[in-house]
Amino acid sequence: MEKNGWREILRMKDRIPDKVLKEIFPKRFNRSLATKQIYTRLRQMILSGKLKKGQKLLQEKIAQDFRVSRVTVGIAFSQMKKEGLIISRRGRGSYVV
């Protein structure tokens, strides 16, 4: 088999079939739902004291932990800023209030 044929097989091997995806996720993933879930969980962690006052929140780390994009976490952060749960300093990051 030529090299291009193997590459196609390797690509197909890593791809999840559409039929399986439709069984697992019958509807498209809703970003606003993910944002709300992240916001709710972070808010609970702040209010319960698991995240301490002054603790730095790393957007990239939280995105990795929750397996979402940084944009989704950023939207949740902006909601928490409006409520006064966190503050953001340009070039320094976000911190629990």
PDB file of N, CA and C in Angstrom:
ATOM      1  N   MET A   1       0.853  -1.179   0.000  1.00  0.00           N
ATOM      2  CA  MET A   1       0.000   0.000   0.000  1.00  0.00           C
ATOM      3  C   MET A   1       0.894   1.235   0.000  1.00  0.00           C
ATOM      4  N   GLU A   2       0.510   2.231  -0.761  1.00  0.00           N
ATOM      5  CA  GLU A   2       1.326   3.440  -0.835  1.00  0.00           C
ATOM      6  C   GLU A   2       1.120   4.302   0.410  1.00  0.00           C
ATOM      7  N   LYS A   3       2.051   5.246   0.629  1.00  0.00           N
ATOM      8  CA  LYS A   3       2.052   6.075   1.835  1.00  0.00           C
ATOM      9  C   LYS A   3       0.746   6.833   2.031  1.00  0.00           C
ATOM     10  N   ASN A   4       0.185   7.404   1.000  1.00  0.00           N
ATOM     11  CA  ASN A   4      -1.055   8.168   1.136  1.00  0.00           C
ATOM     12  C   ASN A   4      -2.195   7.295   1.640  1.00  0.00           C
ATOM     13  N   GLY A   5      -2.218   6.046   1.224  1.00  0.00           N
ATOM     14  CA  GLY A   5      -3.251   5.116   1.694  1.00  0.00           C
ATOM     15  C   GLY A   5      -3.158   4.885   3.189  1.00  0.00           C
ATOM     16  N   TRP A   6      -1.957   4.725   3.703  1.00  0.00           N
ATOM     17  CA  TRP A   6      -1.761   4.525   5.145  1.00  0.00           C
ATOM     18  C   TRP A   6      -2.180   5.754   5.938  1.00  0.00           C
ATOM     19  N   ARG A   7      -1.851   6.924   5.404  1.00  0.00           N
ATOM     20  CA  ARG A   7      -2.239   8.163   6.099  1.00  0.00           C
ATOM     21  C   ARG A   7      -3.753   8.252   6.237  1.00  0.00           C
ATOM     22  N   GLU A   8      -4.469   7.889   5.185  1.00  0.00           N
ATOM     23  CA  GLU A   8      -5.933   7.924   5.225  1.00  0.00           C
ATOM     24  C   GLU A   8      -6.465   6.924   6.255  1.00  0.00           C
ATOM     25  N   ILE A   9      -5.879   5.751   6.303  1.00  0.00           N
ATOM     26  CA  ILE A   9      -6.297   4.747   7.283  1.00  0.00           C
ATOM     27  C   ILE A   9      -6.052   5.251   8.698  1.00  0.00           C
ATOM     28  N   LEU A  10      -4.897   5.863   8.931  1.00  0.00           N
ATOM     29  CA  LEU A  10      -4.600   6.390  10.258  1.00  0.00           C
ATOM     30  C   LEU A  10      -5.576   7.498  10.638  1.00  0.00           C
ATOM     31  N   ARG A  11      -5.919   8.370   9.685  1.00  0.00           N
ATOM     32  CA  ARG A  11      -6.897   9.427   9.969  1.00  0.00           C
ATOM     33  C   ARG A  11      -8.255   8.825  10.305  1.00  0.00           C
ATOM     34  N   MET A  12      -8.674   7.833   9.575  1.00  0.00           N
ATOM     35  CA  MET A  12      -9.977   7.200   9.802  1.00  0.00           C
ATOM     36  C   MET A  12      -9.992   6.457  11.141  1.00  0.00           C
ATOM     37  N   LYS A  13      -8.846   5.877  11.505  1.00  0.00           N
ATOM     38  CA  LYS A  13      -8.757   5.135  12.755  1.00  0.00           C
ATOM     39  C   LYS A  13      -9.005   6.052  13.954  1.00  0.00           C
ATOM     40  N   ASP A  14      -8.532   7.307  13.882  1.00  0.00           N
ATOM     41  CA  ASP A  14      -8.681   8.240  14.989  1.00  0.00           C
ATOM     42  C   ASP A  14     -10.017   8.971  14.979  1.00  0.00           C
ATOM     43  N   ARG A  15     -10.777   8.822  13.927  1.00  0.00           N
ATOM     44  CA  ARG A  15     -12.029   9.544  13.787  1.00  0.00           C
ATOM     45  C   ARG A  15     -13.173   8.727  14.385  1.00  0.00           C
ATOM     46  N   ILE A  16     -14.027   9.387  15.163  1.00  0.00           N
ATOM     47  CA  ILE A  16     -15.201   8.726  15.721  1.00  0.00           C
ATOM     48  C   ILE A  16     -16.291   8.754  14.660  1.00  0.00           C
ATOM     49  N   PRO A  17     -16.893   7.606  14.355  1.00  0.00           N
ATOM     50  CA  PRO A  17     -17.937   7.571  13.324  1.00  0.00           C
ATOM     51  C   PRO A  17     -19.117   8.482  13.690  1.00  0.00           C
ATOM     52  N   ASP A  18     -19.714   9.115  12.672  1.00  0.00           N
ATOM     53  CA  ASP A  18     -20.838  10.023  12.884  1.00  0.00           C
ATOM     54  C   ASP A  18     -21.995   9.346  13.607  1.00  0.00           C
ATOM     55  N   LYS A  19     -22.247   8.095  13.289  1.00  0.00           N
ATOM     56  CA  LYS A  19     -23.348   7.356  13.924  1.00  0.00           C
ATOM     57  C   LYS A  19     -23.139   7.274  15.442  1.00  0.00           C
ATOM     58  N   VAL A  20     -21.910   7.008  15.845  1.00  0.00           N
ATOM     59  CA  VAL A  20     -21.589   6.922  17.273  1.00  0.00           C
ATOM     60  C   VAL A  20     -21.737   8.289  17.930  1.00  0.00           C
ATOM     61  N   LEU A  21     -21.251   9.333  17.262  1.00  0.00           N
ATOM     62  CA  LEU A  21     -21.377  10.683  17.811  1.00  0.00           C
ATOM     63  C   LEU A  21     -22.838  11.069  18.002  1.00  0.00           C
ATOM     64  N   LYS A  22     -23.683  10.725  17.056  1.00  0.00           N
ATOM     65  CA  LYS A  22     -25.103  11.062  17.165  1.00  0.00           C
ATOM     66  C   LYS A  22     -25.773  10.314  18.315  1.00  0.00           C
ATOM     67  N   GLU A  23     -25.326   9.099  18.598  1.00  0.00           N
ATOM     68  CA  GLU A  23     -25.863   8.350  19.741  1.00  0.00           C
ATOM     69  C   GLU A  23     -25.445   8.991  21.061  1.00  0.00           C
ATOM     70  N   ILE A  24     -24.204   9.426  21.151  1.00  0.00           N
ATOM     71  CA  ILE A  24     -23.683  10.021  22.383  1.00  0.00           C
ATOM     72  C   ILE A  24     -24.210  11.441  22.555  1.00  0.00           C
ATOM     73  N   PHE A  25     -24.173  12.217  21.488  1.00  0.00           N
ATOM     74  CA  PHE A  25     -24.595  13.621  21.522  1.00  0.00           C
ATOM     75  C   PHE A  25     -25.719  13.830  20.506  1.00  0.00           C
ATOM     76  N   PRO A  26     -26.968  13.537  20.890  1.00  0.00           N
ATOM     77  CA  PRO A  26     -28.054  13.682  19.925  1.00  0.00           C
ATOM     78  C   PRO A  26     -28.238  15.117  19.440  1.00  0.00           C
ATOM     79  N   LYS A  27     -27.877  16.099  20.262  1.00  0.00           N
ATOM     80  CA  LYS A  27     -27.963  17.503  19.872  1.00  0.00           C
ATOM     81  C   LYS A  27     -26.567  18.093  19.898  1.00  0.00           C
ATOM     82  N   ARG A  28     -26.399  19.197  19.197  1.00  0.00           N
ATOM     83  CA  ARG A  28     -25.116  19.899  19.218  1.00  0.00           C
ATOM     84  C   ARG A  28     -24.826  20.427  20.607  1.00  0.00           C
ATOM     85  N   PHE A  29     -23.550  20.451  20.960  1.00  0.00           N
ATOM     86  CA  PHE A  29     -23.117  20.969  22.258  1.00  0.00           C
ATOM     87  C   PHE A  29     -23.466  22.443  22.352  1.00  0.00           C
ATOM     88  N   ASN A  30     -24.023  22.863  23.472  1.00  0.00           N
ATOM     89  CA  ASN A  30     -24.456  24.240  23.678  1.00  0.00           C
ATOM     90  C   ASN A  30     -23.426  24.970  24.532  1.00  0.00           C
ATOM     91  N   ARG A  31     -22.735  25.949  23.933  1.00  0.00           N
ATOM     92  CA  ARG A  31     -21.676  26.667  24.641  1.00  0.00           C
ATOM     93  C   ARG A  31     -22.216  27.419  25.860  1.00  0.00           C
ATOM     94  N   SER A  32     -23.419  28.005  25.732  1.00  0.00           N
ATOM     95  CA  SER A  32     -23.959  28.763  26.861  1.00  0.00           C
ATOM     96  C   SER A  32     -24.243  27.850  28.047  1.00  0.00           C
ATOM     97  N   LEU A  33     -24.609  26.595  27.780  1.00  0.00           N
ATOM     98  CA  LEU A  33     -24.826  25.643  28.865  1.00  0.00           C
ATOM     99  C   LEU A  33     -23.503  25.339  29.566  1.00  0.00           C
ATOM    100  N   ALA A  34     -22.440  25.159  28.798  1.00  0.00           N
ATOM    101  CA  ALA A  34     -21.119  24.894  29.382  1.00  0.00           C
ATOM    102  C   ALA A  34     -20.668  26.093  30.198  1.00  0.00           C
ATOM    103  N   THR A  35     -20.891  27.296  29.679  1.00  0.00           N
ATOM    104  CA  THR A  35     -20.514  28.507  30.405  1.00  0.00           C
ATOM    105  C   THR A  35     -21.247  28.575  31.735  1.00  0.00           C
ATOM    106  N   LYS A  36     -22.536  28.279  31.706  1.00  0.00           N
ATOM    107  CA  LYS A  36     -23.336  28.320  32.932  1.00  0.00           C
ATOM    108  C   LYS A  36     -22.842  27.287  33.946  1.00  0.00           C
ATOM    109  N   GLN A  37     -22.517  26.097  33.479  1.00  0.00           N
ATOM    110  CA  GLN A  37     -22.022  25.054  34.381  1.00  0.00           C
ATOM    111  C   GLN A  37     -20.691  25.456  35.007  1.00  0.00           C
ATOM    112  N   ILE A  38     -19.795  26.013  34.215  1.00  0.00           N
ATOM    113  CA  ILE A  38     -18.500  26.443  34.741  1.00  0.00           C
ATOM    114  C   ILE A  38     -18.694  27.579  35.731  1.00  0.00           C
ATOM    115  N   TYR A  39     -19.517  28.539  35.361  1.00  0.00           N
ATOM    116  CA  TYR A  39     -19.819  29.665  36.247  1.00  0.00           C
ATOM    117  C   TYR A  39     -20.370  29.147  37.581  1.00  0.00           C
ATOM    118  N   THR A  40     -21.337  28.248  37.515  1.00  0.00           N
ATOM    119  CA  THR A  40     -21.966  27.713  38.723  1.00  0.00           C
ATOM    120  C   THR A  40     -20.959  26.977  39.605  1.00  0.00           C
ATOM    121  N   ARG A  41     -20.125  26.140  38.996  1.00  0.00           N
ATOM    122  CA  ARG A  41     -19.150  25.378  39.786  1.00  0.00           C
ATOM    123  C   ARG A  41     -18.096  26.277  40.408  1.00  0.00           C
ATOM    124  N   LEU A  42     -17.585  27.243  39.637  1.00  0.00           N
ATOM    125  CA  LEU A  42     -16.585  28.163  40.192  1.00  0.00           C
ATOM    126  C   LEU A  42     -17.197  29.023  41.292  1.00  0.00           C
ATOM    127  N   ARG A  43     -18.418  29.480  41.079  1.00  0.00           N
ATOM    128  CA  ARG A  43     -19.110  30.293  42.086  1.00  0.00           C
ATOM    129  C   ARG A  43     -19.268  29.505  43.391  1.00  0.00           C
ATOM    130  N   GLN A  44     -19.679  28.240  43.276  1.00  0.00           N
ATOM    131  CA  GLN A  44     -19.815  27.387  44.463  1.00  0.00           C
ATOM    132  C   GLN A  44     -18.477  27.214  45.166  1.00  0.00           C
ATOM    133  N   MET A  45     -17.414  27.045  44.393  1.00  0.00           N
ATOM    134  CA  MET A  45     -16.090  26.864  44.980  1.00  0.00           C
ATOM    135  C   MET A  45     -15.637  28.124  45.711  1.00  0.00           C
ATOM    136  N   ILE A  46     -15.978  29.286  45.175  1.00  0.00           N
ATOM    137  CA  ILE A  46     -15.611  30.547  45.828  1.00  0.00           C
ATOM    138  C   ILE A  46     -16.423  30.732  47.101  1.00  0.00           C
ATOM    139  N   LEU A  47     -17.736  30.538  47.002  1.00  0.00           N
ATOM    140  CA  LEU A  47     -18.607  30.754  48.159  1.00  0.00           C
ATOM    141  C   LEU A  47     -18.376  29.737  49.271  1.00  0.00           C
ATOM    142  N   SER A  48     -17.962  28.525  48.914  1.00  0.00           N
ATOM    143  CA  SER A  48     -17.702  27.498  49.929  1.00  0.00           C
ATOM    144  C   SER A  48     -16.323  27.646  50.570  1.00  0.00           C
ATOM    145  N   GLY A  49     -15.468  28.476  49.965  1.00  0.00           N
ATOM    146  CA  GLY A  49     -14.136  28.681  50.514  1.00  0.00           C
ATOM    147  C   GLY A  49     -13.071  27.770  49.934  1.00  0.00           C
ATOM    148  N   LYS A  50     -13.452  26.910  48.971  1.00  0.00           N
ATOM    149  CA  LYS A  50     -12.443  26.055  48.332  1.00  0.00           C
ATOM    150  C   LYS A  50     -11.457  26.892  47.534  1.00  0.00           C
ATOM    151  N   LEU A  51     -11.958  27.972  46.954  1.00  0.00           N
ATOM    152  CA  LEU A  51     -11.080  28.950  46.316  1.00  0.00           C
ATOM    153  C   LEU A  51     -10.993  30.134  47.270  1.00  0.00           C
ATOM    154  N   LYS A  52      -9.812  30.392  47.768  1.00  0.00           N
ATOM    155  CA  LYS A  52      -9.589  31.400  48.817  1.00  0.00           C
ATOM    156  C   LYS A  52      -9.470  32.810  48.247  1.00  0.00           C
ATOM    157  N   LYS A  53      -9.741  33.781  49.097  1.00  0.00           N
ATOM    158  CA  LYS A  53      -9.602  35.183  48.737  1.00  0.00           C
ATOM    159  C   LYS A  53      -8.162  35.454  48.304  1.00  0.00           C
ATOM    160  N   GLY A  54      -8.015  36.134  47.176  1.00  0.00           N
ATOM    161  CA  GLY A  54      -6.693  36.454  46.652  1.00  0.00           C
ATOM    162  C   GLY A  54      -6.093  35.374  45.774  1.00  0.00           C
ATOM    163  N   GLN A  55      -6.725  34.222  45.692  1.00  0.00           N
ATOM    164  CA  GLN A  55      -6.190  33.128  44.875  1.00  0.00           C
ATOM    165  C   GLN A  55      -6.309  33.467  43.392  1.00  0.00           C
ATOM    166  N   LYS A  56      -5.257  33.221  42.649  1.00  0.00           N
ATOM    167  CA  LYS A  56      -5.232  33.507  41.217  1.00  0.00           C
ATOM    168  C   LYS A  56      -5.969  32.398  40.474  1.00  0.00           C
ATOM    169  N   LEU A  57      -6.798  32.814  39.519  1.00  0.00           N
ATOM    170  CA  LEU A  57      -7.526  31.869  38.681  1.00  0.00           C
ATOM    171  C   LEU A  57      -6.901  31.883  37.290  1.00  0.00           C
ATOM    172  N   LEU A  58      -6.364  30.757  36.880  1.00  0.00           N
ATOM    173  CA  LEU A  58      -5.721  30.651  35.578  1.00  0.00           C
ATOM    174  C   LEU A  58      -6.733  30.141  34.557  1.00  0.00           C
ATOM    175  N   GLN A  59      -7.077  31.011  33.633  1.00  0.00           N
ATOM    176  CA  GLN A  59      -8.102  30.706  32.645  1.00  0.00           C
ATOM    177  C   GLN A  59      -7.754  29.446  31.843  1.00  0.00           C
ATOM    178  N   GLU A  60      -6.512  29.333  31.416  1.00  0.00           N
ATOM    179  CA  GLU A  60      -6.090  28.183  30.622  1.00  0.00           C
ATOM    180  C   GLU A  60      -6.191  26.882  31.425  1.00  0.00           C
ATOM    181  N   LYS A  61      -5.778  26.911  32.673  1.00  0.00           N
ATOM    182  CA  LYS A  61      -5.834  25.716  33.533  1.00  0.00           C
ATOM    183  C   LYS A  61      -7.280  25.292  33.770  1.00  0.00           C
ATOM    184  N   ILE A  62      -8.154  26.263  34.040  1.00  0.00           N
ATOM    185  CA  ILE A  62      -9.567  25.944  34.269  1.00  0.00           C
ATOM    186  C   ILE A  62     -10.184  25.371  32.997  1.00  0.00           C
ATOM    187  N   ALA A  63      -9.831  25.938  31.843  1.00  0.00           N
ATOM    188  CA  ALA A  63     -10.337  25.424  30.571  1.00  0.00           C
ATOM    189  C   ALA A  63      -9.904  23.973  30.367  1.00  0.00           C
ATOM    190  N   GLN A  64      -8.665  23.665  30.703  1.00  0.00           N
ATOM    191  CA  GLN A  64      -8.178  22.286  30.578  1.00  0.00           C
ATOM    192  C   GLN A  64      -8.900  21.363  31.558  1.00  0.00           C
ATOM    193  N   ASP A  65      -9.074  21.806  32.797  1.00  0.00           N
ATOM    194  CA  ASP A  65      -9.728  20.988  33.810  1.00  0.00           C
ATOM    195  C   ASP A  65     -11.168  20.655  33.434  1.00  0.00           C
ATOM    196  N   PHE A  66     -11.877  21.643  32.877  1.00  0.00           N
ATOM    197  CA  PHE A  66     -13.277  21.444  32.504  1.00  0.00           C
ATOM    198  C   PHE A  66     -13.441  20.959  31.063  1.00  0.00           C
ATOM    199  N   ARG A  67     -12.316  20.880  30.346  1.00  0.00           N
ATOM    200  CA  ARG A  67     -12.308  20.428  28.952  1.00  0.00           C
ATOM    201  C   ARG A  67     -13.201  21.283  28.057  1.00  0.00           C
ATOM    202  N   VAL A  68     -13.013  22.584  28.174  1.00  0.00           N
ATOM    203  CA  VAL A  68     -13.719  23.549  27.329  1.00  0.00           C
ATOM    204  C   VAL A  68     -12.702  24.553  26.806  1.00  0.00           C
ATOM    205  N   SER A  69     -13.157  25.471  25.970  1.00  0.00           N
ATOM    206  CA  SER A  69     -12.244  26.481  25.427  1.00  0.00           C
ATOM    207  C   SER A  69     -12.020  27.604  26.437  1.00  0.00           C
ATOM    208  N   ARG A  70     -10.951  28.352  26.220  1.00  0.00           N
ATOM    209  CA  ARG A  70     -10.659  29.507  27.081  1.00  0.00           C
ATOM    210  C   ARG A  70     -11.732  30.579  26.920  1.00  0.00           C
ATOM    211  N   VAL A  71     -12.326  30.669  25.741  1.00  0.00           N
ATOM    212  CA  VAL A  71     -13.394  31.644  25.507  1.00  0.00           C
ATOM    213  C   VAL A  71     -14.575  31.363  26.439  1.00  0.00           C
ATOM    214  N   THR A  72     -14.933  30.090  26.564  1.00  0.00           N
ATOM    215  CA  THR A  72     -16.044  29.699  27.432  1.00  0.00           C
ATOM    216  C   THR A  72     -15.750  30.082  28.876  1.00  0.00           C
ATOM    217  N   VAL A  73     -14.538  29.848  29.327  1.00  0.00           N
ATOM    218  CA  VAL A  73     -14.136  30.225  30.687  1.00  0.00           C
ATOM    219  C   VAL A  73     -14.128  31.739  30.826  1.00  0.00           C
ATOM    220  N   GLY A  74     -13.677  32.438  29.802  1.00  0.00           N
ATOM    221  CA  GLY A  74     -13.655  33.898  29.825  1.00  0.00           C
ATOM    222  C   GLY A  74     -15.041  34.492  30.004  1.00  0.00           C
ATOM    223  N   ILE A  75     -16.033  33.899  29.361  1.00  0.00           N
ATOM    224  CA  ILE A  75     -17.414  34.370  29.512  1.00  0.00           C
ATOM    225  C   ILE A  75     -17.887  34.150  30.941  1.00  0.00           C
ATOM    226  N   ALA A  76     -17.557  32.989  31.510  1.00  0.00           N
ATOM    227  CA  ALA A  76     -17.922  32.716  32.902  1.00  0.00           C
ATOM    228  C   ALA A  76     -17.225  33.701  33.839  1.00  0.00           C
ATOM    229  N   PHE A  77     -15.950  34.009  33.556  1.00  0.00           N
ATOM    230  CA  PHE A  77     -15.206  34.984  34.360  1.00  0.00           C
ATOM    231  C   PHE A  77     -15.888  36.353  34.329  1.00  0.00           C
ATOM    232  N   SER A  78     -16.331  36.779  33.141  1.00  0.00           N
ATOM    233  CA  SER A  78     -16.952  38.102  33.044  1.00  0.00           C
ATOM    234  C   SER A  78     -18.249  38.156  33.848  1.00  0.00           C
ATOM    235  N   GLN A  79     -18.970  37.058  33.909  1.00  0.00           N
ATOM    236  CA  GLN A  79     -20.182  37.013  34.733  1.00  0.00           C
ATOM    237  C   GLN A  79     -19.824  37.110  36.217  1.00  0.00           C
ATOM    238  N   MET A  80     -18.750  36.435  36.614  1.00  0.00           N
ATOM    239  CA  MET A  80     -18.330  36.488  38.016  1.00  0.00           C
ATOM    240  C   MET A  80     -17.798  37.868  38.375  1.00  0.00           C
ATOM    241  N   LYS A  81     -17.156  38.553  37.410  1.00  0.00           N
ATOM    242  CA  LYS A  81     -16.684  39.924  37.651  1.00  0.00           C
ATOM    243  C   LYS A  81     -17.863  40.854  37.909  1.00  0.00           C
ATOM    244  N   LYS A  82     -18.928  40.704  37.132  1.00  0.00           N
ATOM    245  CA  LYS A  82     -20.118  41.531  37.309  1.00  0.00           C
ATOM    246  C   LYS A  82     -20.724  41.357  38.699  1.00  0.00           C
ATOM    247  N   GLU A  83     -20.626  40.155  39.240  1.00  0.00           N
ATOM    248  CA  GLU A  83     -21.162  39.870  40.574  1.00  0.00           C
ATOM    249  C   GLU A  83     -20.195  40.245  41.681  1.00  0.00           C
ATOM    250  N   GLY A  84     -18.968  40.592  41.311  1.00  0.00           N
ATOM    251  CA  GLY A  84     -17.990  40.975  42.314  1.00  0.00           C
ATOM    252  C   GLY A  84     -17.311  39.798  42.995  1.00  0.00           C
ATOM    253  N   LEU A  85     -17.366  38.634  42.367  1.00  0.00           N
ATOM    254  CA  LEU A  85     -16.722  37.446  42.938  1.00  0.00           C
ATOM    255  C   LEU A  85     -15.236  37.405  42.623  1.00  0.00           C
ATOM    256  N   ILE A  86     -14.844  37.976  41.473  1.00  0.00           N
ATOM    257  CA  ILE A  86     -13.433  38.009  41.087  1.00  0.00           C
ATOM    258  C   ILE A  86     -13.106  39.402  40.546  1.00  0.00           C
ATOM    259  N   ILE A  87     -11.824  39.689  40.499  1.00  0.00           N
ATOM    260  CA  ILE A  87     -11.337  40.903  39.846  1.00  0.00           C
ATOM    261  C   ILE A  87     -10.285  40.486  38.834  1.00  0.00           C
ATOM    262  N   SER A  88     -10.144  41.285  37.802  1.00  0.00           N
ATOM    263  CA  SER A  88      -9.120  41.016  36.786  1.00  0.00           C
ATOM    264  C   SER A  88      -8.208  42.219  36.677  1.00  0.00           C
ATOM    265  N   ARG A  89      -6.942  41.940  36.620  1.00  0.00           N
ATOM    266  CA  ARG A  89      -5.927  42.973  36.441  1.00  0.00           C
ATOM    267  C   ARG A  89      -5.244  42.718  35.111  1.00  0.00           C
ATOM    268  N   ARG A  90      -5.272  43.715  34.246  1.00  0.00           N
ATOM    269  CA  ARG A  90      -4.658  43.572  32.938  1.00  0.00           C
ATOM    270  C   ARG A  90      -3.192  43.185  33.057  1.00  0.00           C
ATOM    271  N   GLY A  91      -2.824  42.114  32.398  1.00  0.00           N
ATOM    272  CA  GLY A  91      -1.436  41.653  32.415  1.00  0.00           C
ATOM    273  C   GLY A  91      -1.063  40.849  33.670  1.00  0.00           C
ATOM    274  N   ARG A  92      -1.980  40.741  34.624  1.00  0.00           N
ATOM    275  CA  ARG A  92      -1.683  39.999  35.851  1.00  0.00           C
ATOM    276  C   ARG A  92      -2.570  38.786  36.044  1.00  0.00           C
ATOM    277  N   GLY A  93      -3.820  38.861  35.587  1.00  0.00           N
ATOM    278  CA  GLY A  93      -4.726  37.735  35.715  1.00  0.00           C
ATOM    279  C   GLY A  93      -5.961  38.059  36.528  1.00  0.00           C
ATOM    280  N   SER A  94      -6.700  37.012  36.882  1.00  0.00           N
ATOM    281  CA  SER A  94      -7.938  37.152  37.651  1.00  0.00           C
ATOM    282  C   SER A  94      -7.749  36.542  39.037  1.00  0.00           C
ATOM    283  N   TYR A  95      -8.377  37.184  40.015  1.00  0.00           N
ATOM    284  CA  TYR A  95      -8.216  36.775  41.414  1.00  0.00           C
ATOM    285  C   TYR A  95      -9.568  36.737  42.124  1.00  0.00           C
ATOM    286  N   VAL A  96      -9.686  35.835  43.082  1.00  0.00           N
ATOM    287  CA  VAL A  96     -10.886  35.738  43.905  1.00  0.00           C
ATOM    288  C   VAL A  96     -10.920  36.935  44.853  1.00  0.00           C
ATOM    289  N   VAL A  97     -12.107  37.542  44.981  1.00  0.00           N
ATOM    290  CA  VAL A  97     -12.273  38.697  45.880  1.00  0.00           C
ATOM    291  C   VAL A  97     -12.658  38.209  47.258  1.00  0.00           C
TER     292      VAL A  97
END
